[in-house]
Amino acid sequence: MSVLEEAAAHIIMGIVDHPDDVAVRTSTNPRRGTTLVINVHPDDMGRVIGRMGRTARAVRTVINALNGGKPVRVDFVGPDGR
């Protein structure tokens, strides 16, 4: 598990009610670059996104800062992939 994956998992597990359902994986695509895909329990999706997306934006800011300024896309998905 990479440093970014571990950091994202640690942050998200502190936010959600079902930390055992949190899974983070890295996906690399030549067109989209590096993407962190964060899977959470469906009941926790609202907590992770936050009001008007503020929590999700904050998580993305921290992850991009940890990556040394190189852009990283962060996607939040439920168990069904949406």
N, C-alpha and C. Protein backbone atom coordinates (compact mmCIF):
# COMPACT_ATOMS: atom_id res chain seq x y z
N MET A 1 0.86 -1.18 0.00
CA MET A 1 0.00 0.00 0.00
C MET A 1 0.90 1.23 0.00
N SER A 2 0.61 2.16 -0.89
CA SER A 2 1.43 3.37 -0.99
C SER A 2 1.12 4.34 0.14
N VAL A 3 1.96 5.33 0.27
CA VAL A 3 1.78 6.34 1.30
C VAL A 3 0.46 7.08 1.09
N LEU A 4 0.14 7.39 -0.15
CA LEU A 4 -1.12 8.09 -0.44
C LEU A 4 -2.32 7.23 -0.07
N GLU A 5 -2.27 5.95 -0.39
CA GLU A 5 -3.36 5.04 -0.05
C GLU A 5 -3.53 4.94 1.47
N GLU A 6 -2.42 4.81 2.19
CA GLU A 6 -2.48 4.72 3.65
C GLU A 6 -3.03 6.00 4.26
N ALA A 7 -2.59 7.15 3.76
CA ALA A 7 -3.07 8.43 4.28
C ALA A 7 -4.56 8.61 4.02
N ALA A 8 -4.99 8.28 2.80
CA ALA A 8 -6.41 8.41 2.46
C ALA A 8 -7.25 7.47 3.32
N ALA A 9 -6.80 6.23 3.50
CA ALA A 9 -7.54 5.28 4.33
C ALA A 9 -7.64 5.77 5.76
N HIS A 10 -6.56 6.30 6.30
CA HIS A 10 -6.55 6.81 7.67
C HIS A 10 -7.53 7.97 7.84
N ILE A 11 -7.51 8.90 6.90
CA ILE A 11 -8.41 10.06 6.97
C ILE A 11 -9.86 9.61 6.88
N ILE A 12 -10.17 8.78 5.91
CA ILE A 12 -11.56 8.36 5.68
C ILE A 12 -12.07 7.50 6.83
N MET A 13 -11.24 6.62 7.38
CA MET A 13 -11.68 5.78 8.50
C MET A 13 -12.05 6.61 9.72
N GLY A 14 -11.46 7.79 9.86
CA GLY A 14 -11.80 8.66 10.96
C GLY A 14 -13.11 9.39 10.77
N ILE A 15 -13.63 9.40 9.56
CA ILE A 15 -14.86 10.12 9.24
C ILE A 15 -16.08 9.21 9.27
N VAL A 16 -15.94 7.98 8.82
CA VAL A 16 -17.08 7.11 8.56
C VAL A 16 -17.53 6.33 9.80
N ASP A 17 -18.75 5.79 9.73
CA ASP A 17 -19.30 4.94 10.78
C ASP A 17 -18.93 3.47 10.59
N HIS A 18 -18.57 3.10 9.36
CA HIS A 18 -18.22 1.71 9.03
C HIS A 18 -16.78 1.67 8.51
N PRO A 19 -15.78 1.83 9.38
CA PRO A 19 -14.40 1.87 8.89
C PRO A 19 -13.90 0.56 8.28
N ASP A 20 -14.52 -0.55 8.63
CA ASP A 20 -14.10 -1.84 8.06
C ASP A 20 -14.44 -1.95 6.58
N ASP A 21 -15.37 -1.13 6.10
CA ASP A 21 -15.77 -1.18 4.70
C ASP A 21 -14.97 -0.23 3.81
N VAL A 22 -13.99 0.47 4.36
CA VAL A 22 -13.18 1.40 3.59
C VAL A 22 -12.08 0.63 2.86
N ALA A 23 -12.00 0.86 1.56
CA ALA A 23 -10.95 0.25 0.74
C ALA A 23 -10.41 1.33 -0.20
N VAL A 24 -9.09 1.40 -0.30
CA VAL A 24 -8.46 2.40 -1.16
C VAL A 24 -7.54 1.68 -2.13
N ARG A 25 -7.64 2.06 -3.39
CA ARG A 25 -6.73 1.48 -4.39
C ARG A 25 -6.30 2.57 -5.36
N THR A 26 -5.17 2.36 -5.96
CA THR A 26 -4.64 3.32 -6.93
C THR A 26 -4.85 2.78 -8.33
N SER A 27 -5.30 3.68 -9.19
CA SER A 27 -5.50 3.33 -10.59
C SER A 27 -4.71 4.33 -11.44
N THR A 28 -3.98 3.84 -12.41
CA THR A 28 -3.21 4.72 -13.29
C THR A 28 -3.72 4.58 -14.70
N ASN A 29 -4.04 5.70 -15.30
CA ASN A 29 -4.56 5.74 -16.65
C ASN A 29 -3.75 6.82 -17.40
N PRO A 30 -3.27 6.52 -18.59
CA PRO A 30 -2.48 7.52 -19.32
C PRO A 30 -3.23 8.83 -19.58
N ARG A 31 -4.52 8.75 -19.76
CA ARG A 31 -5.30 9.96 -20.06
C ARG A 31 -5.70 10.72 -18.80
N ARG A 32 -6.03 10.00 -17.73
CA ARG A 32 -6.52 10.63 -16.50
C ARG A 32 -5.43 10.80 -15.45
N GLY A 33 -4.31 10.13 -15.61
CA GLY A 33 -3.24 10.20 -14.62
C GLY A 33 -3.52 9.25 -13.47
N THR A 34 -2.99 9.58 -12.31
CA THR A 34 -3.15 8.75 -11.13
C THR A 34 -4.48 9.06 -10.45
N THR A 35 -5.20 8.01 -10.10
CA THR A 35 -6.49 8.16 -9.43
C THR A 35 -6.50 7.28 -8.18
N LEU A 36 -6.92 7.86 -7.06
CA LEU A 36 -7.18 7.08 -5.85
C LEU A 36 -8.67 6.80 -5.82
N VAL A 37 -9.03 5.55 -5.80
CA VAL A 37 -10.43 5.15 -5.74
C VAL A 37 -10.71 4.71 -4.31
N ILE A 38 -11.62 5.41 -3.65
CA ILE A 38 -11.94 5.13 -2.25
C ILE A 38 -13.34 4.56 -2.18
N ASN A 39 -13.44 3.29 -1.75
CA ASN A 39 -14.74 2.64 -1.60
C ASN A 39 -15.18 2.77 -0.15
N VAL A 40 -16.44 3.17 0.05
CA VAL A 40 -17.01 3.30 1.38
C VAL A 40 -18.38 2.64 1.42
N HIS A 41 -18.86 2.38 2.62
CA HIS A 41 -20.20 1.83 2.82
C HIS A 41 -21.21 2.85 2.30
N PRO A 42 -22.32 2.40 1.70
CA PRO A 42 -23.31 3.34 1.14
C PRO A 42 -23.86 4.33 2.18
N ASP A 43 -23.97 3.90 3.44
CA ASP A 43 -24.48 4.80 4.47
C ASP A 43 -23.49 5.91 4.81
N ASP A 44 -22.23 5.73 4.48
CA ASP A 44 -21.19 6.71 4.80
C ASP A 44 -20.90 7.67 3.66
N MET A 45 -21.51 7.47 2.52
CA MET A 45 -21.19 8.32 1.37
C MET A 45 -21.47 9.79 1.65
N GLY A 46 -22.56 10.09 2.32
CA GLY A 46 -22.89 11.48 2.65
C GLY A 46 -21.88 12.09 3.61
N ARG A 47 -21.39 11.31 4.54
CA ARG A 47 -20.39 11.80 5.49
C ARG A 47 -19.08 12.11 4.79
N VAL A 48 -18.71 11.28 3.84
CA VAL A 48 -17.44 11.47 3.14
C VAL A 48 -17.51 12.68 2.22
N ILE A 49 -18.63 12.88 1.59
CA ILE A 49 -18.77 14.02 0.68
C ILE A 49 -18.95 15.31 1.46
N GLY A 50 -19.77 15.29 2.50
CA GLY A 50 -19.97 16.47 3.34
C GLY A 50 -20.93 17.46 2.72
N ARG A 51 -21.21 18.51 3.47
CA ARG A 51 -22.11 19.55 2.98
C ARG A 51 -21.47 20.28 1.81
N MET A 52 -22.19 20.27 0.73
CA MET A 52 -21.76 20.94 -0.50
C MET A 52 -20.36 20.49 -0.95
N GLY A 53 -19.98 19.25 -0.59
CA GLY A 53 -18.72 18.68 -1.03
C GLY A 53 -17.49 19.18 -0.28
N ARG A 54 -17.69 19.83 0.86
CA ARG A 54 -16.55 20.40 1.58
C ARG A 54 -15.59 19.35 2.11
N THR A 55 -16.11 18.26 2.65
CA THR A 55 -15.23 17.22 3.20
C THR A 55 -14.44 16.56 2.08
N ALA A 56 -15.10 16.24 0.99
CA ALA A 56 -14.42 15.62 -0.15
C ALA A 56 -13.34 16.56 -0.69
N ARG A 57 -13.63 17.83 -0.78
CA ARG A 57 -12.66 18.81 -1.27
C ARG A 57 -11.45 18.88 -0.33
N ALA A 58 -11.70 18.83 0.97
CA ALA A 58 -10.61 18.87 1.95
C ALA A 58 -9.72 17.63 1.83
N VAL A 59 -10.34 16.46 1.67
CA VAL A 59 -9.57 15.22 1.50
C VAL A 59 -8.71 15.32 0.24
N ARG A 60 -9.30 15.82 -0.84
CA ARG A 60 -8.54 15.96 -2.09
C ARG A 60 -7.37 16.92 -1.92
N THR A 61 -7.57 18.00 -1.19
CA THR A 61 -6.50 18.97 -0.95
C THR A 61 -5.35 18.33 -0.18
N VAL A 62 -5.67 17.58 0.87
CA VAL A 62 -4.63 16.92 1.67
C VAL A 62 -3.86 15.90 0.84
N ILE A 63 -4.57 15.10 0.07
CA ILE A 63 -3.92 14.07 -0.75
C ILE A 63 -3.01 14.70 -1.79
N ASN A 64 -3.47 15.76 -2.44
CA ASN A 64 -2.62 16.43 -3.43
C ASN A 64 -1.40 17.07 -2.78
N ALA A 65 -1.54 17.60 -1.57
CA ALA A 65 -0.40 18.17 -0.86
C ALA A 65 0.61 17.08 -0.51
N LEU A 66 0.13 15.91 -0.10
CA LEU A 66 1.03 14.80 0.22
C LEU A 66 1.77 14.28 -1.00
N ASN A 67 1.20 14.50 -2.17
CA ASN A 67 1.81 14.00 -3.40
C ASN A 67 2.83 14.99 -3.96
N GLY A 68 3.17 16.00 -3.23
CA GLY A 68 4.20 16.93 -3.68
C GLY A 68 3.77 17.85 -4.80
N GLY A 69 2.50 18.18 -4.86
CA GLY A 69 2.01 19.09 -5.88
C GLY A 69 1.64 18.44 -7.19
N LYS A 70 1.95 17.16 -7.35
CA LYS A 70 1.54 16.47 -8.57
C LYS A 70 0.06 16.12 -8.43
N PRO A 71 -0.74 16.40 -9.45
CA PRO A 71 -2.18 16.18 -9.31
C PRO A 71 -2.55 14.70 -9.18
N VAL A 72 -3.45 14.44 -8.25
CA VAL A 72 -3.99 13.11 -8.04
C VAL A 72 -5.50 13.26 -8.03
N ARG A 73 -6.17 12.47 -8.80
CA ARG A 73 -7.62 12.48 -8.80
C ARG A 73 -8.10 11.56 -7.69
N VAL A 74 -9.09 12.01 -6.92
CA VAL A 74 -9.63 11.20 -5.82
C VAL A 74 -11.11 10.98 -6.10
N ASP A 75 -11.51 9.71 -6.26
CA ASP A 75 -12.90 9.35 -6.52
C ASP A 75 -13.45 8.57 -5.33
N PHE A 76 -14.66 8.94 -4.90
CA PHE A 76 -15.35 8.24 -3.84
C PHE A 76 -16.46 7.41 -4.46
N VAL A 77 -16.45 6.11 -4.16
CA VAL A 77 -17.46 5.22 -4.73
C VAL A 77 -18.03 4.32 -3.65
N GLY A 78 -19.25 3.88 -3.87
CA GLY A 78 -19.87 2.90 -2.99
C GLY A 78 -19.50 1.50 -3.44
N PRO A 79 -20.00 0.49 -2.79
CA PRO A 79 -19.64 -0.89 -3.15
C PRO A 79 -20.11 -1.29 -4.53
N ASP A 80 -21.10 -0.58 -5.07
CA ASP A 80 -21.59 -0.91 -6.41
C ASP A 80 -20.80 -0.19 -7.51
N GLY A 81 -19.77 0.58 -7.12
CA GLY A 81 -18.94 1.25 -8.10
C GLY A 81 -19.42 2.60 -8.51
N ARG A 82 -20.47 3.11 -7.87
CA ARG A 82 -20.96 4.45 -8.21
C ARG A 82 -20.70 5.41 -7.10
